[in-house]
Amino acid sequence: MKLQLDPGRCQGHGRCYDLAPDLFGEDDEGYGTVLGDGTVPAGADHDARLAVANCPERAITVEEG
């Protein structure tokens, strides 16, 4: 599973990094960023899906695989 965040859609609500701080960070302006290459480590699937489901802008997508 791999996460992607569309910076053009992100409005900086911060839910992603509040809900899944091991998967998301924030830039200098408070917009979400995917940490590392976006690969979700084993055991973090629930946090990844929680962040996706709670993004009001639907800026986060998951690539299964």
PDB file of N, CA and C in Angstrom:
ATOM      1  N   MET A   1       0.857  -1.166   0.000  1.00  0.00           N
ATOM      2  CA  MET A   1       0.000   0.000   0.000  1.00  0.00           C
ATOM      3  C   MET A   1       0.911   1.239   0.000  1.00  0.00           C
ATOM      4  N   LYS A   2       0.530   2.202  -0.828  1.00  0.00           N
ATOM      5  CA  LYS A   2       1.325   3.425  -0.935  1.00  0.00           C
ATOM      6  C   LYS A   2       0.390   4.633  -0.950  1.00  0.00           C
ATOM      7  N   LEU A   3       0.752   5.653  -0.204  1.00  0.00           N
ATOM      8  CA  LEU A   3      -0.047   6.876  -0.103  1.00  0.00           C
ATOM      9  C   LEU A   3       0.463   7.949  -1.053  1.00  0.00           C
ATOM     10  N   GLN A   4      -0.475   8.714  -1.557  1.00  0.00           N
ATOM     11  CA  GLN A   4      -0.135   9.899  -2.354  1.00  0.00           C
ATOM     12  C   GLN A   4      -1.020  11.041  -1.879  1.00  0.00           C
ATOM     13  N   LEU A   5      -0.478  12.226  -1.858  1.00  0.00           N
ATOM     14  CA  LEU A   5      -1.229  13.410  -1.454  1.00  0.00           C
ATOM     15  C   LEU A   5      -1.125  14.446  -2.565  1.00  0.00           C
ATOM     16  N   ASP A   6      -2.264  14.921  -3.027  1.00  0.00           N
ATOM     17  CA  ASP A   6      -2.313  15.915  -4.094  1.00  0.00           C
ATOM     18  C   ASP A   6      -2.182  17.301  -3.464  1.00  0.00           C
ATOM     19  N   PRO A   7      -1.026  17.948  -3.603  1.00  0.00           N
ATOM     20  CA  PRO A   7      -0.825  19.254  -2.972  1.00  0.00           C
ATOM     21  C   PRO A   7      -1.753  20.339  -3.515  1.00  0.00           C
ATOM     22  N   GLY A   8      -2.257  20.147  -4.721  1.00  0.00           N
ATOM     23  CA  GLY A   8      -3.191  21.110  -5.300  1.00  0.00           C
ATOM     24  C   GLY A   8      -4.563  21.081  -4.652  1.00  0.00           C
ATOM     25  N   ARG A   9      -4.898  19.959  -4.043  1.00  0.00           N
ATOM     26  CA  ARG A   9      -6.198  19.815  -3.385  1.00  0.00           C
ATOM     27  C   ARG A   9      -6.121  20.071  -1.885  1.00  0.00           C
ATOM     28  N   CYS A  10      -4.961  19.849  -1.291  1.00  0.00           N
ATOM     29  CA  CYS A  10      -4.792  20.002   0.150  1.00  0.00           C
ATOM     30  C   CYS A  10      -5.040  21.455   0.560  1.00  0.00           C
ATOM     31  N   GLN A  11      -5.857  21.621   1.592  1.00  0.00           N
ATOM     32  CA  GLN A  11      -6.171  22.961   2.106  1.00  0.00           C
ATOM     33  C   GLN A  11      -5.568  23.210   3.490  1.00  0.00           C
ATOM     34  N   GLY A  12      -4.783  22.264   3.988  1.00  0.00           N
ATOM     35  CA  GLY A  12      -4.075  22.456   5.246  1.00  0.00           C
ATOM     36  C   GLY A  12      -4.905  22.229   6.498  1.00  0.00           C
ATOM     37  N   HIS A  13      -5.924  21.376   6.422  1.00  0.00           N
ATOM     38  CA  HIS A  13      -6.732  21.089   7.607  1.00  0.00           C
ATOM     39  C   HIS A  13      -5.929  20.345   8.671  1.00  0.00           C
ATOM     40  N   GLY A  14      -4.960  19.567   8.268  1.00  0.00           N
ATOM     41  CA  GLY A  14      -4.076  18.883   9.204  1.00  0.00           C
ATOM     42  C   GLY A  14      -4.586  17.580   9.781  1.00  0.00           C
ATOM     43  N   ARG A  15      -5.690  17.111   9.297  1.00  0.00           N
ATOM     44  CA  ARG A  15      -6.229  15.856   9.837  1.00  0.00           C
ATOM     45  C   ARG A  15      -5.312  14.677   9.562  1.00  0.00           C
ATOM     46  N   CYS A  16      -4.666  14.665   8.419  1.00  0.00           N
ATOM     47  CA  CYS A  16      -3.796  13.539   8.070  1.00  0.00           C
ATOM     48  C   CYS A  16      -2.663  13.383   9.079  1.00  0.00           C
ATOM     49  N   TYR A  17      -1.956  14.458   9.365  1.00  0.00           N
ATOM     50  CA  TYR A  17      -0.833  14.324  10.290  1.00  0.00           C
ATOM     51  C   TYR A  17      -1.266  14.273  11.744  1.00  0.00           C
ATOM     52  N   ASP A  18      -2.475  14.715  12.056  1.00  0.00           N
ATOM     53  CA  ASP A  18      -3.001  14.521  13.410  1.00  0.00           C
ATOM     54  C   ASP A  18      -3.392  13.068  13.640  1.00  0.00           C
ATOM     55  N   LEU A  19      -4.011  12.443  12.642  1.00  0.00           N
ATOM     56  CA  LEU A  19      -4.488  11.072  12.773  1.00  0.00           C
ATOM     57  C   LEU A  19      -3.405  10.021  12.511  1.00  0.00           C
ATOM     58  N   ALA A  20      -2.464  10.341  11.663  1.00  0.00           N
ATOM     59  CA  ALA A  20      -1.422   9.374  11.294  1.00  0.00           C
ATOM     60  C   ALA A  20      -0.056  10.062  11.230  1.00  0.00           C
ATOM     61  N   PRO A  21       0.474  10.479  12.388  1.00  0.00           N
ATOM     62  CA  PRO A  21       1.737  11.221  12.399  1.00  0.00           C
ATOM     63  C   PRO A  21       2.947  10.416  11.938  1.00  0.00           C
ATOM     64  N   ASP A  22       2.829   9.099  11.901  1.00  0.00           N
ATOM     65  CA  ASP A  22       3.931   8.278  11.398  1.00  0.00           C
ATOM     66  C   ASP A  22       3.946   8.202   9.878  1.00  0.00           C
ATOM     67  N   LEU A  23       2.833   8.637   9.257  1.00  0.00           N
ATOM     68  CA  LEU A  23       2.710   8.562   7.802  1.00  0.00           C
ATOM     69  C   LEU A  23       2.722   9.919   7.116  1.00  0.00           C
ATOM     70  N   PHE A  24       2.300  10.956   7.858  1.00  0.00           N
ATOM     71  CA  PHE A  24       2.185  12.299   7.287  1.00  0.00           C
ATOM     72  C   PHE A  24       2.883  13.325   8.167  1.00  0.00           C
ATOM     73  N   GLY A  25       3.381  14.352   7.524  1.00  0.00           N
ATOM     74  CA  GLY A  25       3.959  15.485   8.216  1.00  0.00           C
ATOM     75  C   GLY A  25       3.322  16.747   7.670  1.00  0.00           C
ATOM     76  N   GLU A  26       3.882  17.873   8.056  1.00  0.00           N
ATOM     77  CA  GLU A  26       3.382  19.148   7.547  1.00  0.00           C
ATOM     78  C   GLU A  26       4.545  19.979   7.034  1.00  0.00           C
ATOM     79  N   ASP A  27       4.242  20.802   6.022  1.00  0.00           N
ATOM     80  CA  ASP A  27       5.279  21.684   5.509  1.00  0.00           C
ATOM     81  C   ASP A  27       5.300  22.977   6.321  1.00  0.00           C
ATOM     82  N   ASP A  28       6.082  23.932   5.905  1.00  0.00           N
ATOM     83  CA  ASP A  28       6.234  25.195   6.652  1.00  0.00           C
ATOM     84  C   ASP A  28       4.952  26.010   6.731  1.00  0.00           C
ATOM     85  N   GLU A  29       4.003  25.737   5.846  1.00  0.00           N
ATOM     86  CA  GLU A  29       2.746  26.488   5.828  1.00  0.00           C
ATOM     87  C   GLU A  29       1.581  25.687   6.410  1.00  0.00           C
ATOM     88  N   GLY A  30       1.867  24.486   6.942  1.00  0.00           N
ATOM     89  CA  GLY A  30       0.830  23.676   7.563  1.00  0.00           C
ATOM     90  C   GLY A  30       0.095  22.720   6.648  1.00  0.00           C
ATOM     91  N   TYR A  31       0.546  22.622   5.415  1.00  0.00           N
ATOM     92  CA  TYR A  31      -0.070  21.690   4.478  1.00  0.00           C
ATOM     93  C   TYR A  31       0.515  20.292   4.692  1.00  0.00           C
ATOM     94  N   GLY A  32      -0.301  19.278   4.472  1.00  0.00           N
ATOM     95  CA  GLY A  32       0.138  17.908   4.672  1.00  0.00           C
ATOM     96  C   GLY A  32       1.157  17.465   3.649  1.00  0.00           C
ATOM     97  N   THR A  33       2.023  16.562   4.092  1.00  0.00           N
ATOM     98  CA  THR A  33       3.002  15.931   3.221  1.00  0.00           C
ATOM     99  C   THR A  33       3.069  14.447   3.578  1.00  0.00           C
ATOM    100  N   VAL A  34       3.339  13.621   2.604  1.00  0.00           N
ATOM    101  CA  VAL A  34       3.534  12.199   2.846  1.00  0.00           C
ATOM    102  C   VAL A  34       4.987  12.012   3.273  1.00  0.00           C
ATOM    103  N   LEU A  35       5.199  11.269   4.345  1.00  0.00           N
ATOM    104  CA  LEU A  35       6.559  11.015   4.808  1.00  0.00           C
ATOM    105  C   LEU A  35       7.201   9.903   3.985  1.00  0.00           C
ATOM    106  N   GLY A  36       8.484  10.037   3.745  1.00  0.00           N
ATOM    107  CA  GLY A  36       9.211   9.041   2.965  1.00  0.00           C
ATOM    108  C   GLY A  36       8.676   8.952   1.555  1.00  0.00           C
ATOM    109  N   ASP A  37       8.625   7.725   1.050  1.00  0.00           N
ATOM    110  CA  ASP A  37       8.133   7.526  -0.318  1.00  0.00           C
ATOM    111  C   ASP A  37       6.646   7.176  -0.349  1.00  0.00           C
ATOM    112  N   GLY A  38       6.001   7.232   0.817  1.00  0.00           N
ATOM    113  CA  GLY A  38       4.570   6.970   0.886  1.00  0.00           C
ATOM    114  C   GLY A  38       4.204   5.526   1.157  1.00  0.00           C
ATOM    115  N   THR A  39       5.191   4.654   1.232  1.00  0.00           N
ATOM    116  CA  THR A  39       4.919   3.251   1.517  1.00  0.00           C
ATOM    117  C   THR A  39       4.427   3.110   2.957  1.00  0.00           C
ATOM    118  N   VAL A  40       3.298   2.435   3.112  1.00  0.00           N
ATOM    119  CA  VAL A  40       2.702   2.240   4.435  1.00  0.00           C
ATOM    120  C   VAL A  40       3.328   0.990   5.057  1.00  0.00           C
ATOM    121  N   PRO A  41       3.974   1.147   6.221  1.00  0.00           N
ATOM    122  CA  PRO A  41       4.590  -0.018   6.857  1.00  0.00           C
ATOM    123  C   PRO A  41       3.545  -1.003   7.385  1.00  0.00           C
ATOM    124  N   ALA A  42       3.973  -2.224   7.580  1.00  0.00           N
ATOM    125  CA  ALA A  42       3.083  -3.256   8.117  1.00  0.00           C
ATOM    126  C   ALA A  42       2.486  -2.778   9.436  1.00  0.00           C
ATOM    127  N   GLY A  43       1.194  -2.989   9.584  1.00  0.00           N
ATOM    128  CA  GLY A  43       0.505  -2.607  10.806  1.00  0.00           C
ATOM    129  C   GLY A  43      -0.038  -1.197  10.821  1.00  0.00           C
ATOM    130  N   ALA A  44       0.248  -0.409   9.788  1.00  0.00           N
ATOM    131  CA  ALA A  44      -0.212   0.979   9.745  1.00  0.00           C
ATOM    132  C   ALA A  44      -1.344   1.189   8.742  1.00  0.00           C
ATOM    133  N   ASP A  45      -1.887   0.101   8.209  1.00  0.00           N
ATOM    134  CA  ASP A  45      -2.968   0.210   7.224  1.00  0.00           C
ATOM    135  C   ASP A  45      -4.175   0.970   7.784  1.00  0.00           C
ATOM    136  N   HIS A  46      -4.537   0.674   9.022  1.00  0.00           N
ATOM    137  CA  HIS A  46      -5.704   1.327   9.631  1.00  0.00           C
ATOM    138  C   HIS A  46      -5.504   2.841   9.703  1.00  0.00           C
ATOM    139  N   ASP A  47      -4.316   3.285  10.140  1.00  0.00           N
ATOM    140  CA  ASP A  47      -4.039   4.723  10.225  1.00  0.00           C
ATOM    141  C   ASP A  47      -4.079   5.375   8.845  1.00  0.00           C
ATOM    142  N   ALA A  48      -3.566   4.681   7.843  1.00  0.00           N
ATOM    143  CA  ALA A  48      -3.572   5.212   6.480  1.00  0.00           C
ATOM    144  C   ALA A  48      -5.003   5.407   5.989  1.00  0.00           C
ATOM    145  N   ARG A  49      -5.824   4.397   6.184  1.00  0.00           N
ATOM    146  CA  ARG A  49      -7.218   4.481   5.729  1.00  0.00           C
ATOM    147  C   ARG A  49      -8.012   5.518   6.527  1.00  0.00           C
ATOM    148  N   LEU A  50      -7.695   5.663   7.800  1.00  0.00           N
ATOM    149  CA  LEU A  50      -8.350   6.669   8.636  1.00  0.00           C
ATOM    150  C   LEU A  50      -8.036   8.075   8.120  1.00  0.00           C
ATOM    151  N   ALA A  51      -6.780   8.310   7.768  1.00  0.00           N
ATOM    152  CA  ALA A  51      -6.390   9.616   7.229  1.00  0.00           C
ATOM    153  C   ALA A  51      -7.085   9.887   5.895  1.00  0.00           C
ATOM    154  N   VAL A  52      -7.134   8.882   5.033  1.00  0.00           N
ATOM    155  CA  VAL A  52      -7.810   9.026   3.733  1.00  0.00           C
ATOM    156  C   VAL A  52      -9.282   9.377   3.945  1.00  0.00           C
ATOM    157  N   ALA A  53      -9.936   8.655   4.831  1.00  0.00           N
ATOM    158  CA  ALA A  53     -11.371   8.850   5.064  1.00  0.00           C
ATOM    159  C   ALA A  53     -11.690  10.197   5.701  1.00  0.00           C
ATOM    160  N   ASN A  54     -10.727  10.782   6.409  1.00  0.00           N
ATOM    161  CA  ASN A  54     -10.986  12.027   7.116  1.00  0.00           C
ATOM    162  C   ASN A  54     -10.474  13.280   6.417  1.00  0.00           C
ATOM    163  N   CYS A  55      -9.910  13.121   5.234  1.00  0.00           N
ATOM    164  CA  CYS A  55      -9.450  14.289   4.481  1.00  0.00           C
ATOM    165  C   CYS A  55     -10.662  14.955   3.821  1.00  0.00           C
ATOM    166  N   PRO A  56     -11.027  16.173   4.257  1.00  0.00           N
ATOM    167  CA  PRO A  56     -12.217  16.817   3.696  1.00  0.00           C
ATOM    168  C   PRO A  56     -12.072  17.189   2.224  1.00  0.00           C
ATOM    169  N   GLU A  57     -10.869  17.313   1.748  1.00  0.00           N
ATOM    170  CA  GLU A  57     -10.629  17.690   0.351  1.00  0.00           C
ATOM    171  C   GLU A  57     -10.401  16.479  -0.545  1.00  0.00           C
ATOM    172  N   ARG A  58     -10.370  15.273   0.037  1.00  0.00           N
ATOM    173  CA  ARG A  58     -10.085  14.040  -0.704  1.00  0.00           C
ATOM    174  C   ARG A  58      -8.764  14.151  -1.463  1.00  0.00           C
ATOM    175  N   ALA A  59      -7.777  14.741  -0.782  1.00  0.00           N
ATOM    176  CA  ALA A  59      -6.474  14.958  -1.399  1.00  0.00           C
ATOM    177  C   ALA A  59      -5.559  13.746  -1.282  1.00  0.00           C
ATOM    178  N   ILE A  60      -5.934  12.757  -0.451  1.00  0.00           N
ATOM    179  CA  ILE A  60      -5.088  11.600  -0.218  1.00  0.00           C
ATOM    180  C   ILE A  60      -5.679  10.395  -0.960  1.00  0.00           C
ATOM    181  N   THR A  61      -4.814   9.688  -1.666  1.00  0.00           N
ATOM    182  CA  THR A  61      -5.230   8.458  -2.325  1.00  0.00           C
ATOM    183  C   THR A  61      -4.312   7.325  -1.896  1.00  0.00           C
ATOM    184  N   VAL A  62      -4.829   6.103  -2.011  1.00  0.00           N
ATOM    185  CA  VAL A  62      -4.081   4.905  -1.674  1.00  0.00           C
ATOM    186  C   VAL A  62      -3.935   4.066  -2.922  1.00  0.00           C
ATOM    187  N   GLU A  63      -2.727   3.647  -3.176  1.00  0.00           N
ATOM    188  CA  GLU A  63      -2.441   2.719  -4.265  1.00  0.00           C
ATOM    189  C   GLU A  63      -2.183   1.358  -3.631  1.00  0.00           C
ATOM    190  N   GLU A  64      -3.050   0.421  -3.913  1.00  0.00           N
ATOM    191  CA  GLU A  64      -2.908  -0.928  -3.369  1.00  0.00           C
ATOM    192  C   GLU A  64      -1.823  -1.664  -4.155  1.00  0.00           C
ATOM    193  N   GLY A  65      -1.130  -2.538  -3.447  1.00  0.00           N
ATOM    194  CA  GLY A  65      -0.166  -3.318  -4.193  1.00  0.00           C
ATOM    195  C   GLY A  65       0.935  -3.843  -3.416  1.00  0.00           C
TER     196      GLY A  65
END
